[in-house]
């Protein structure tokens, strides 16, 4: 399942510190939670959406309601809470692992159907909201090369583009595909460098 967290940040004076915390402390803590498999953070380069987006692959809603999640990663924003705005969380079904978006790529996200992404020459992956806010109910995402962005004459309304802020983190359960995941095994903080299909 795909767990998304979106928000904006209203205090320019502490935004860099908050981003360091989120990218360097929070994401590694989250990927160490049993049931988290991938984590990656993005910054919007288009208007009309929250500035920040985190996309995680998790086993299901029970991961987010468990004690391990609360201890290692859930919340922990007290220092910045008053500056976090436009905050949304959703849990989506319909696809396996979240795609890793490399430095030379952009994530495209759309809630207006797959057609705008198809018209951009992309192959969208469909997601359906099953828990948390459940809005938007359906979303499509695709990855495109940064070099392809200038070729897209106009971005359709409702398509939001995001740059990766760091490489995708993966748990060790993804690194050993022939062995069942060991819940007690340590996680890896190395970026996901698996080749694309």
N, C-alpha and C. Protein backbone atom coordinates (compact mmCIF):
# COMPACT_ATOMS: atom_id res chain seq x y z
N UNK A 1 0.84 -1.18 0.00
CA UNK A 1 0.00 0.00 0.00
C UNK A 1 0.89 1.24 0.00
N UNK A 2 0.34 2.32 -0.51
CA UNK A 2 1.09 3.58 -0.60
C UNK A 2 0.53 4.56 0.42
N UNK A 3 1.39 5.01 1.31
CA UNK A 3 1.04 5.98 2.34
C UNK A 3 1.64 7.32 1.93
N UNK A 4 0.79 8.34 1.78
CA UNK A 4 1.27 9.66 1.40
C UNK A 4 1.04 10.66 2.52
N UNK A 5 2.00 11.56 2.67
CA UNK A 5 1.89 12.67 3.62
C UNK A 5 2.25 13.92 2.85
N UNK A 6 1.35 14.90 2.87
CA UNK A 6 1.56 16.15 2.15
C UNK A 6 1.40 17.31 3.11
N UNK A 7 2.20 18.36 2.92
CA UNK A 7 2.05 19.55 3.74
C UNK A 7 2.84 20.71 3.14
N UNK A 8 2.57 21.87 3.66
CA UNK A 8 3.38 23.05 3.38
C UNK A 8 3.97 23.51 4.70
N UNK A 9 4.88 24.45 4.65
CA UNK A 9 5.57 24.93 5.85
C UNK A 9 5.58 26.45 5.81
N UNK A 10 5.11 27.09 6.87
CA UNK A 10 4.84 28.53 6.85
C UNK A 10 5.93 29.41 7.46
N UNK A 11 7.03 28.85 7.93
CA UNK A 11 8.06 29.67 8.57
C UNK A 11 9.38 29.53 7.83
N UNK A 12 9.70 30.49 6.99
CA UNK A 12 10.93 30.43 6.19
C UNK A 12 12.18 30.36 7.06
N UNK A 13 12.15 30.96 8.25
CA UNK A 13 13.32 31.00 9.12
C UNK A 13 13.71 29.62 9.65
N UNK A 14 12.74 28.73 9.83
CA UNK A 14 13.06 27.40 10.36
C UNK A 14 12.84 26.29 9.34
N UNK A 15 12.50 26.63 8.12
CA UNK A 15 12.18 25.61 7.12
C UNK A 15 13.36 24.70 6.79
N UNK A 16 14.56 25.26 6.66
CA UNK A 16 15.73 24.43 6.35
C UNK A 16 16.00 23.44 7.48
N UNK A 17 15.88 23.88 8.72
CA UNK A 17 16.08 22.99 9.87
C UNK A 17 15.03 21.89 9.89
N UNK A 18 13.77 22.27 9.60
CA UNK A 18 12.70 21.29 9.55
C UNK A 18 12.95 20.26 8.44
N UNK A 19 13.38 20.73 7.27
CA UNK A 19 13.67 19.81 6.17
C UNK A 19 14.81 18.86 6.54
N UNK A 20 15.83 19.36 7.20
CA UNK A 20 16.92 18.49 7.65
C UNK A 20 16.39 17.42 8.60
N UNK A 21 15.57 17.84 9.56
CA UNK A 21 14.98 16.88 10.50
C UNK A 21 14.19 15.81 9.75
N UNK A 22 13.32 16.25 8.85
CA UNK A 22 12.44 15.31 8.16
C UNK A 22 13.25 14.35 7.29
N UNK A 23 14.17 14.87 6.51
CA UNK A 23 14.92 14.03 5.58
C UNK A 23 16.00 13.20 6.24
N UNK A 24 16.66 13.73 7.26
CA UNK A 24 17.80 13.05 7.86
C UNK A 24 17.47 12.24 9.12
N UNK A 25 16.37 12.58 9.80
CA UNK A 25 16.00 11.86 11.01
C UNK A 25 14.69 11.10 10.86
N UNK A 26 13.65 11.80 10.42
CA UNK A 26 12.32 11.18 10.38
C UNK A 26 12.23 10.05 9.36
N UNK A 27 12.67 10.27 8.11
CA UNK A 27 12.57 9.20 7.12
C UNK A 27 13.37 7.96 7.52
N UNK A 28 14.62 8.11 7.98
CA UNK A 28 15.34 6.90 8.44
C UNK A 28 14.63 6.20 9.61
N UNK A 29 14.01 6.97 10.49
CA UNK A 29 13.26 6.35 11.59
C UNK A 29 12.05 5.59 11.06
N UNK A 30 11.35 6.19 10.10
CA UNK A 30 10.18 5.52 9.54
C UNK A 30 10.55 4.23 8.82
N UNK A 31 11.61 4.25 8.03
CA UNK A 31 11.97 3.05 7.27
C UNK A 31 12.42 1.93 8.20
N UNK A 32 12.74 2.25 9.45
CA UNK A 32 13.11 1.20 10.41
C UNK A 32 11.89 0.56 11.06
N UNK A 33 10.70 1.11 10.84
CA UNK A 33 9.48 0.55 11.42
C UNK A 33 9.08 -0.70 10.63
N UNK A 34 8.78 -1.77 11.34
CA UNK A 34 8.32 -3.00 10.71
C UNK A 34 7.08 -2.69 9.88
N UNK A 35 7.12 -3.07 8.61
CA UNK A 35 5.97 -2.82 7.73
C UNK A 35 6.19 -1.67 6.77
N UNK A 36 7.23 -0.84 7.00
CA UNK A 36 7.62 0.19 6.05
C UNK A 36 8.65 -0.42 5.11
N UNK A 37 8.48 -0.21 3.80
CA UNK A 37 9.39 -0.82 2.83
C UNK A 37 10.15 0.20 2.00
N UNK A 38 9.51 1.33 1.66
CA UNK A 38 10.20 2.40 0.95
C UNK A 38 9.74 3.74 1.51
N UNK A 39 10.60 4.74 1.41
CA UNK A 39 10.27 6.10 1.82
C UNK A 39 11.04 7.07 0.93
N UNK A 40 10.35 8.07 0.42
CA UNK A 40 11.01 9.10 -0.37
C UNK A 40 10.23 10.40 -0.22
N UNK A 41 10.97 11.49 -0.25
CA UNK A 41 10.39 12.81 -0.02
C UNK A 41 10.60 13.68 -1.26
N UNK A 42 9.61 14.56 -1.53
CA UNK A 42 9.58 15.38 -2.72
C UNK A 42 9.20 16.82 -2.40
N UNK A 43 9.57 17.73 -3.30
CA UNK A 43 9.17 19.13 -3.20
C UNK A 43 8.48 19.51 -4.51
N UNK A 44 7.31 20.14 -4.40
CA UNK A 44 6.53 20.51 -5.57
C UNK A 44 7.22 21.60 -6.37
N UNK A 45 7.14 21.48 -7.69
CA UNK A 45 7.62 22.54 -8.58
C UNK A 45 6.45 23.12 -9.37
N UNK A 46 5.24 22.72 -9.01
CA UNK A 46 4.04 23.28 -9.61
C UNK A 46 3.16 23.85 -8.51
N UNK A 47 2.27 24.74 -8.88
CA UNK A 47 1.38 25.39 -7.93
C UNK A 47 0.11 24.56 -7.71
N UNK A 48 -0.65 24.95 -6.69
CA UNK A 48 -1.95 24.34 -6.47
C UNK A 48 -1.92 23.07 -5.65
N UNK A 49 -0.82 22.81 -4.96
CA UNK A 49 -0.72 21.61 -4.13
C UNK A 49 0.19 21.94 -2.94
N UNK A 50 0.14 21.13 -1.88
CA UNK A 50 1.09 21.33 -0.79
C UNK A 50 2.53 21.24 -1.31
N UNK A 51 3.43 21.96 -0.67
CA UNK A 51 4.82 22.05 -1.14
C UNK A 51 5.56 20.73 -1.00
N UNK A 52 5.32 20.00 0.09
CA UNK A 52 6.08 18.79 0.37
C UNK A 52 5.20 17.55 0.27
N UNK A 53 5.81 16.48 -0.21
CA UNK A 53 5.12 15.20 -0.37
C UNK A 53 6.09 14.09 0.04
N UNK A 54 5.63 13.20 0.91
CA UNK A 54 6.39 12.00 1.24
C UNK A 54 5.56 10.80 0.80
N UNK A 55 6.21 9.87 0.12
CA UNK A 55 5.54 8.66 -0.35
C UNK A 55 6.25 7.46 0.25
N UNK A 56 5.47 6.61 0.91
CA UNK A 56 6.00 5.42 1.57
C UNK A 56 5.25 4.19 1.06
N UNK A 57 5.93 3.07 0.96
CA UNK A 57 5.28 1.79 0.73
C UNK A 57 5.21 1.09 2.08
N UNK A 58 3.99 0.73 2.50
CA UNK A 58 3.82 0.07 3.80
C UNK A 58 2.91 -1.15 3.63
N UNK A 59 2.87 -2.00 4.65
CA UNK A 59 2.05 -3.20 4.59
C UNK A 59 0.55 -2.90 4.69
N UNK A 60 0.17 -1.90 5.49
CA UNK A 60 -1.25 -1.60 5.66
C UNK A 60 -1.47 -0.62 6.79
N UNK A 61 -2.73 -0.30 7.04
CA UNK A 61 -3.11 0.69 8.05
C UNK A 61 -2.63 0.31 9.44
N UNK A 62 -2.59 -0.98 9.74
CA UNK A 62 -2.16 -1.40 11.07
C UNK A 62 -0.74 -0.95 11.39
N UNK A 63 0.09 -0.76 10.38
CA UNK A 63 1.45 -0.25 10.61
C UNK A 63 1.39 1.14 11.23
N UNK A 64 0.45 1.97 10.75
CA UNK A 64 0.34 3.36 11.22
C UNK A 64 -0.35 3.49 12.57
N UNK A 65 -1.00 2.44 13.00
CA UNK A 65 -1.69 2.49 14.30
C UNK A 65 -0.92 1.73 15.37
N UNK A 66 0.21 1.14 14.98
CA UNK A 66 0.99 0.34 15.91
C UNK A 66 1.89 1.15 16.83
N UNK A 67 2.27 0.54 17.91
CA UNK A 67 3.14 1.19 18.90
C UNK A 67 4.52 1.49 18.33
N UNK A 68 5.07 0.60 17.50
CA UNK A 68 6.40 0.84 16.94
C UNK A 68 6.40 2.11 16.09
N UNK A 69 5.36 2.32 15.31
CA UNK A 69 5.25 3.54 14.49
C UNK A 69 5.20 4.78 15.39
N UNK A 70 4.40 4.72 16.44
CA UNK A 70 4.29 5.87 17.35
C UNK A 70 5.62 6.15 18.03
N UNK A 71 6.36 5.11 18.39
CA UNK A 71 7.64 5.29 19.07
C UNK A 71 8.74 5.80 18.14
N UNK A 72 8.77 5.31 16.91
CA UNK A 72 9.89 5.61 16.02
C UNK A 72 9.64 6.73 15.02
N UNK A 73 8.41 6.94 14.64
CA UNK A 73 8.24 7.88 13.54
C UNK A 73 6.96 8.68 13.52
N UNK A 74 5.89 8.14 14.03
CA UNK A 74 4.62 8.85 13.96
C UNK A 74 4.65 10.11 14.80
N UNK A 75 4.24 11.21 14.20
CA UNK A 75 4.24 12.48 14.93
C UNK A 75 5.63 13.07 15.01
N UNK A 76 6.08 13.38 16.21
CA UNK A 76 7.41 13.96 16.46
C UNK A 76 7.61 15.32 15.79
N UNK A 77 6.54 16.07 15.59
CA UNK A 77 6.63 17.37 14.95
C UNK A 77 6.38 18.53 15.91
N UNK A 78 6.39 18.29 17.20
CA UNK A 78 6.01 19.32 18.17
C UNK A 78 6.73 20.65 17.94
N UNK A 79 8.01 20.59 17.68
CA UNK A 79 8.81 21.81 17.50
C UNK A 79 8.33 22.65 16.31
N UNK A 80 7.78 21.98 15.27
CA UNK A 80 7.40 22.69 14.05
C UNK A 80 5.89 22.71 13.81
N UNK A 81 5.11 22.10 14.68
CA UNK A 81 3.67 21.90 14.46
C UNK A 81 2.95 23.19 14.06
N UNK A 82 3.27 24.30 14.70
CA UNK A 82 2.56 25.54 14.40
C UNK A 82 2.84 26.07 13.00
N UNK A 83 3.90 25.59 12.35
CA UNK A 83 4.26 26.06 11.02
C UNK A 83 3.83 25.11 9.91
N UNK A 84 3.36 23.92 10.26
CA UNK A 84 2.94 22.95 9.26
C UNK A 84 1.50 23.28 8.85
N UNK A 85 1.30 23.48 7.56
CA UNK A 85 -0.02 23.83 7.03
C UNK A 85 -0.41 22.87 5.91
N UNK A 86 -1.67 22.89 5.54
CA UNK A 86 -2.18 22.11 4.41
C UNK A 86 -1.73 20.65 4.51
N UNK A 87 -1.88 20.07 5.70
CA UNK A 87 -1.39 18.73 6.01
C UNK A 87 -2.45 17.69 5.65
N UNK A 88 -2.04 16.67 4.89
CA UNK A 88 -2.96 15.61 4.46
C UNK A 88 -2.24 14.26 4.49
N UNK A 89 -2.99 13.23 4.91
CA UNK A 89 -2.46 11.87 4.91
C UNK A 89 -3.48 10.94 4.25
N UNK A 90 -2.97 10.04 3.41
CA UNK A 90 -3.82 9.08 2.73
C UNK A 90 -3.12 7.74 2.62
N UNK A 91 -3.92 6.70 2.58
CA UNK A 91 -3.42 5.36 2.34
C UNK A 91 -4.10 4.84 1.08
N UNK A 92 -3.28 4.47 0.10
CA UNK A 92 -3.78 4.05 -1.21
C UNK A 92 -3.44 2.59 -1.48
N UNK A 93 -4.35 1.93 -2.20
CA UNK A 93 -4.13 0.58 -2.68
C UNK A 93 -4.11 0.64 -4.20
N UNK A 94 -3.69 -0.42 -4.84
CA UNK A 94 -3.75 -0.47 -6.28
C UNK A 94 -2.41 -0.63 -6.96
N UNK A 95 -1.34 -0.46 -6.24
CA UNK A 95 -0.02 -0.67 -6.83
C UNK A 95 0.88 -1.28 -5.77
N UNK A 96 1.96 -1.86 -6.22
CA UNK A 96 2.91 -2.48 -5.30
C UNK A 96 3.80 -1.45 -4.66
N UNK A 97 5.07 -1.52 -4.94
CA UNK A 97 6.04 -0.59 -4.37
C UNK A 97 5.97 0.77 -5.05
N UNK A 98 6.16 1.81 -4.28
CA UNK A 98 6.27 3.15 -4.86
C UNK A 98 7.52 3.19 -5.73
N UNK A 99 7.43 3.80 -6.90
CA UNK A 99 8.62 3.86 -7.75
C UNK A 99 9.68 4.77 -7.13
N UNK A 100 10.93 4.39 -7.28
CA UNK A 100 12.03 5.25 -6.86
C UNK A 100 12.20 6.33 -7.92
N UNK A 101 12.27 7.58 -7.50
CA UNK A 101 12.45 8.69 -8.43
C UNK A 101 13.88 9.19 -8.25
N UNK A 102 14.68 9.08 -9.30
CA UNK A 102 16.08 9.45 -9.26
C UNK A 102 16.27 10.96 -9.42
N UNK A 103 17.48 11.43 -9.18
CA UNK A 103 17.79 12.86 -9.29
C UNK A 103 17.48 13.46 -10.65
N UNK A 104 17.58 12.65 -11.70
CA UNK A 104 17.33 13.16 -13.05
C UNK A 104 15.89 12.94 -13.50
N UNK A 105 15.00 12.67 -12.53
CA UNK A 105 13.59 12.41 -12.83
C UNK A 105 12.67 13.30 -12.02
N UNK A 106 11.41 13.33 -12.43
CA UNK A 106 10.37 14.10 -11.76
C UNK A 106 9.17 13.18 -11.55
N UNK A 107 8.50 13.36 -10.42
CA UNK A 107 7.28 12.63 -10.14
C UNK A 107 6.10 13.49 -10.60
N UNK A 108 5.20 12.89 -11.35
CA UNK A 108 3.96 13.55 -11.75
C UNK A 108 2.81 12.87 -11.03
N UNK A 109 1.92 13.66 -10.45
CA UNK A 109 0.79 13.15 -9.67
C UNK A 109 -0.47 13.84 -10.15
N UNK A 110 -1.54 13.08 -10.36
CA UNK A 110 -2.78 13.64 -10.90
C UNK A 110 -3.98 12.99 -10.23
N UNK A 111 -5.00 13.79 -9.93
CA UNK A 111 -6.25 13.27 -9.37
C UNK A 111 -7.40 13.40 -10.37
N UNK A 112 -7.11 13.89 -11.57
CA UNK A 112 -8.14 14.11 -12.59
C UNK A 112 -8.21 12.99 -13.61
N UNK A 113 -7.78 11.81 -13.27
CA UNK A 113 -7.80 10.69 -14.20
C UNK A 113 -6.43 10.48 -14.82
N UNK A 114 -6.25 9.35 -15.49
CA UNK A 114 -4.95 9.03 -16.08
C UNK A 114 -4.67 9.78 -17.38
N UNK A 115 -5.71 10.28 -18.04
CA UNK A 115 -5.55 10.87 -19.37
C UNK A 115 -4.52 11.99 -19.44
N UNK A 116 -4.50 12.95 -18.50
CA UNK A 116 -3.48 14.01 -18.61
C UNK A 116 -2.05 13.46 -18.60
N UNK A 117 -1.80 12.40 -17.85
CA UNK A 117 -0.47 11.80 -17.81
C UNK A 117 -0.19 11.02 -19.09
N UNK A 118 -1.19 10.34 -19.60
CA UNK A 118 -1.04 9.60 -20.86
C UNK A 118 -0.73 10.59 -21.99
N UNK A 119 -1.41 11.74 -22.00
CA UNK A 119 -1.17 12.75 -23.03
C UNK A 119 0.25 13.32 -22.94
N UNK A 120 0.87 13.21 -21.78
CA UNK A 120 2.25 13.65 -21.62
C UNK A 120 3.23 12.55 -22.05
N UNK A 121 2.70 11.42 -22.52
CA UNK A 121 3.54 10.31 -22.95
C UNK A 121 3.98 9.42 -21.81
N UNK A 122 3.27 9.47 -20.70
CA UNK A 122 3.65 8.70 -19.51
C UNK A 122 2.75 7.49 -19.33
N UNK A 123 3.19 6.55 -18.51
CA UNK A 123 2.42 5.36 -18.17
C UNK A 123 2.01 5.46 -16.71
N UNK A 124 0.82 6.03 -16.44
CA UNK A 124 0.42 6.25 -15.05
C UNK A 124 0.09 4.97 -14.29
N UNK A 125 0.40 4.99 -13.01
CA UNK A 125 0.04 3.92 -12.08
C UNK A 125 -1.15 4.42 -11.26
N UNK A 126 -2.19 3.61 -11.16
CA UNK A 126 -3.41 4.01 -10.47
C UNK A 126 -3.36 3.65 -8.99
N UNK A 127 -3.93 4.55 -8.17
CA UNK A 127 -4.04 4.32 -6.73
C UNK A 127 -5.47 4.67 -6.30
N UNK A 128 -5.99 3.92 -5.34
CA UNK A 128 -7.33 4.14 -4.81
C UNK A 128 -7.24 4.30 -3.30
N UNK A 129 -7.78 5.42 -2.77
CA UNK A 129 -7.71 5.69 -1.32
C UNK A 129 -8.57 4.69 -0.56
N UNK A 130 -7.98 4.11 0.49
CA UNK A 130 -8.70 3.12 1.30
C UNK A 130 -8.75 3.49 2.78
N UNK A 131 -7.97 4.49 3.20
CA UNK A 131 -7.97 4.85 4.62
C UNK A 131 -7.43 6.27 4.80
N UNK A 132 -7.56 6.76 6.03
CA UNK A 132 -7.17 8.11 6.44
C UNK A 132 -8.11 9.12 5.78
N UNK A 133 -7.64 10.17 5.15
CA UNK A 133 -8.55 11.17 4.59
C UNK A 133 -9.41 10.63 3.44
N UNK A 134 -8.88 9.73 2.67
CA UNK A 134 -9.54 9.17 1.49
C UNK A 134 -9.91 10.24 0.47
N UNK A 135 -9.09 11.27 0.37
CA UNK A 135 -9.31 12.32 -0.62
C UNK A 135 -7.97 12.84 -1.10
N UNK A 136 -7.75 12.89 -2.39
CA UNK A 136 -8.68 12.43 -3.41
C UNK A 136 -8.82 10.92 -3.42
N UNK A 137 -9.99 10.47 -3.84
CA UNK A 137 -10.30 9.04 -3.81
C UNK A 137 -9.39 8.27 -4.76
N UNK A 138 -9.13 8.82 -5.94
CA UNK A 138 -8.25 8.16 -6.91
C UNK A 138 -7.15 9.11 -7.31
N UNK A 139 -5.97 8.56 -7.52
CA UNK A 139 -4.82 9.33 -7.99
C UNK A 139 -4.01 8.46 -8.94
N UNK A 140 -3.29 9.13 -9.81
CA UNK A 140 -2.40 8.45 -10.74
C UNK A 140 -1.03 9.09 -10.62
N UNK A 141 0.00 8.29 -10.66
CA UNK A 141 1.35 8.84 -10.62
C UNK A 141 2.19 8.24 -11.73
N UNK A 142 3.19 8.99 -12.12
CA UNK A 142 4.13 8.56 -13.16
C UNK A 142 5.46 9.25 -12.93
N UNK A 143 6.50 8.66 -13.48
CA UNK A 143 7.84 9.23 -13.37
C UNK A 143 8.28 9.62 -14.77
N UNK A 144 8.83 10.83 -14.90
CA UNK A 144 9.35 11.27 -16.18
C UNK A 144 10.75 11.84 -16.02
N UNK A 145 11.49 11.80 -17.08
CA UNK A 145 12.84 12.34 -17.08
C UNK A 145 12.76 13.87 -17.04
N UNK A 146 13.69 14.49 -16.34
CA UNK A 146 13.73 15.95 -16.32
C UNK A 146 13.93 16.52 -17.71
N UNK A 147 14.61 15.79 -18.56
CA UNK A 147 14.83 16.29 -19.92
C UNK A 147 13.54 16.29 -20.74
N UNK A 148 12.53 15.51 -20.31
CA UNK A 148 11.26 15.47 -21.03
C UNK A 148 10.33 16.61 -20.66
N UNK A 149 10.58 17.27 -19.54
CA UNK A 149 9.68 18.33 -19.10
C UNK A 149 9.58 19.46 -20.11
N UNK A 150 10.69 19.96 -20.69
CA UNK A 150 10.54 21.03 -21.68
C UNK A 150 9.73 20.61 -22.91
N UNK A 151 9.70 19.32 -23.21
CA UNK A 151 8.95 18.84 -24.37
C UNK A 151 7.45 18.82 -24.13
N UNK A 152 7.06 18.82 -22.88
CA UNK A 152 5.64 18.83 -22.56
C UNK A 152 5.17 20.28 -22.69
N UNK A 153 4.40 20.54 -23.76
CA UNK A 153 4.04 21.93 -24.09
C UNK A 153 3.26 22.60 -22.98
N UNK A 154 2.32 21.91 -22.41
CA UNK A 154 1.58 22.50 -21.29
C UNK A 154 1.18 21.39 -20.34
N UNK A 155 1.32 21.67 -19.09
CA UNK A 155 0.95 20.69 -18.07
C UNK A 155 -0.54 20.88 -17.82
N UNK A 156 -1.30 19.80 -17.92
CA UNK A 156 -2.74 19.87 -17.73
C UNK A 156 -3.08 20.30 -16.30
N UNK A 157 -4.21 20.95 -16.16
CA UNK A 157 -4.68 21.34 -14.84
C UNK A 157 -4.85 20.09 -13.98
N UNK A 158 -4.41 20.17 -12.75
CA UNK A 158 -4.52 19.04 -11.84
C UNK A 158 -3.32 18.10 -11.85
N UNK A 159 -2.36 18.32 -12.74
CA UNK A 159 -1.13 17.54 -12.73
C UNK A 159 -0.10 18.32 -11.93
N UNK A 160 0.45 17.70 -10.92
CA UNK A 160 1.44 18.35 -10.07
C UNK A 160 2.77 17.63 -10.23
N UNK A 161 3.83 18.42 -10.35
CA UNK A 161 5.16 17.88 -10.56
C UNK A 161 6.00 18.08 -9.31
N UNK A 162 6.83 17.07 -8.99
CA UNK A 162 7.64 17.08 -7.77
C UNK A 162 9.06 16.63 -8.08
N UNK A 163 10.02 17.33 -7.48
CA UNK A 163 11.42 16.92 -7.53
C UNK A 163 11.74 16.08 -6.30
N UNK A 164 12.53 15.02 -6.47
CA UNK A 164 12.95 14.26 -5.28
C UNK A 164 13.90 15.10 -4.44
N UNK A 165 13.73 15.03 -3.12
CA UNK A 165 14.62 15.75 -2.20
C UNK A 165 15.80 14.88 -1.80
N UNK A 166 15.65 13.58 -1.96
CA UNK A 166 16.70 12.61 -1.64
C UNK A 166 16.34 11.30 -2.32
N UNK A 167 17.28 10.39 -2.34
CA UNK A 167 17.03 9.07 -2.91
C UNK A 167 16.02 8.31 -2.06
N UNK A 168 15.32 7.38 -2.67
CA UNK A 168 14.37 6.55 -1.95
C UNK A 168 15.12 5.65 -0.97
N UNK A 169 14.64 5.60 0.25
CA UNK A 169 15.17 4.67 1.25
C UNK A 169 14.36 3.38 1.18
N UNK A 170 15.03 2.26 1.42
CA UNK A 170 14.34 0.98 1.42
C UNK A 170 14.72 0.18 2.66
N UNK A 171 13.80 -0.68 3.08
CA UNK A 171 14.11 -1.58 4.20
C UNK A 171 14.88 -2.77 3.64
N UNK A 172 15.55 -3.50 4.49
CA UNK A 172 16.33 -4.65 4.04
C UNK A 172 15.43 -5.75 3.50
N UNK A 173 14.16 -5.74 3.84
CA UNK A 173 13.27 -6.80 3.34
C UNK A 173 13.16 -6.74 1.83
N UNK A 174 13.45 -5.60 1.21
CA UNK A 174 13.42 -5.49 -0.25
C UNK A 174 14.72 -5.96 -0.88
N UNK A 175 15.78 -5.98 -0.12
CA UNK A 175 17.09 -6.28 -0.68
C UNK A 175 17.35 -7.78 -0.82
N UNK A 176 16.54 -8.60 -0.17
CA UNK A 176 16.73 -10.04 -0.24
C UNK A 176 15.42 -10.65 -0.73
N UNK A 177 15.16 -10.60 -2.05
CA UNK A 177 13.86 -10.99 -2.56
C UNK A 177 13.51 -12.46 -2.40
N UNK A 178 14.47 -13.35 -2.20
CA UNK A 178 14.16 -14.78 -2.12
C UNK A 178 13.97 -15.26 -0.68
N UNK A 179 14.14 -14.37 0.25
CA UNK A 179 14.01 -14.74 1.65
C UNK A 179 12.87 -13.96 2.26
N UNK A 180 12.09 -14.58 3.11
CA UNK A 180 10.99 -13.87 3.78
C UNK A 180 11.57 -12.79 4.68
N UNK A 181 10.88 -11.62 4.77
CA UNK A 181 11.38 -10.54 5.63
C UNK A 181 11.43 -10.98 7.09
N UNK A 182 12.49 -10.62 7.76
CA UNK A 182 12.67 -10.91 9.17
C UNK A 182 12.30 -9.65 9.95
N UNK A 183 11.26 -9.71 10.74
CA UNK A 183 10.78 -8.53 11.46
C UNK A 183 11.84 -7.95 12.39
N UNK A 184 12.77 -8.76 12.87
CA UNK A 184 13.79 -8.28 13.79
C UNK A 184 15.07 -7.83 13.09
N UNK A 185 15.11 -7.97 11.77
CA UNK A 185 16.34 -7.61 11.04
C UNK A 185 16.50 -6.10 10.99
N UNK A 186 17.74 -5.62 11.05
CA UNK A 186 17.96 -4.18 10.93
C UNK A 186 17.62 -3.71 9.52
N UNK A 187 17.31 -2.44 9.39
CA UNK A 187 16.98 -1.90 8.08
C UNK A 187 18.19 -1.23 7.48
N UNK A 188 18.14 -1.03 6.19
CA UNK A 188 19.21 -0.36 5.46
C UNK A 188 18.81 1.06 5.16
N UNK A 189 19.72 1.98 5.33
CA UNK A 189 19.46 3.37 5.00
C UNK A 189 20.06 3.73 3.65
N UNK A 190 20.43 2.70 2.91
CA UNK A 190 21.00 2.97 1.59
C UNK A 190 19.88 3.24 0.61
N UNK A 191 20.14 4.15 -0.34
CA UNK A 191 19.11 4.46 -1.32
C UNK A 191 18.77 3.23 -2.16
N UNK A 192 17.56 3.23 -2.66
CA UNK A 192 17.10 2.18 -3.55
C UNK A 192 17.78 2.38 -4.90
N UNK A 193 18.61 1.44 -5.29
CA UNK A 193 19.33 1.58 -6.57
C UNK A 193 18.97 0.46 -7.52
N UNK A 194 17.80 -0.12 -7.31
CA UNK A 194 17.35 -1.18 -8.18
C UNK A 194 17.06 -0.61 -9.56
N UNK A 195 17.44 -1.30 -10.63
CA UNK A 195 17.13 -0.81 -11.98
C UNK A 195 15.63 -0.81 -12.23
N UNK A 196 15.19 0.05 -13.09
CA UNK A 196 13.78 0.13 -13.44
C UNK A 196 13.38 -1.07 -14.28
N UNK A 197 12.09 -1.45 -14.22
CA UNK A 197 11.56 -2.53 -15.06
C UNK A 197 11.46 -2.05 -16.49
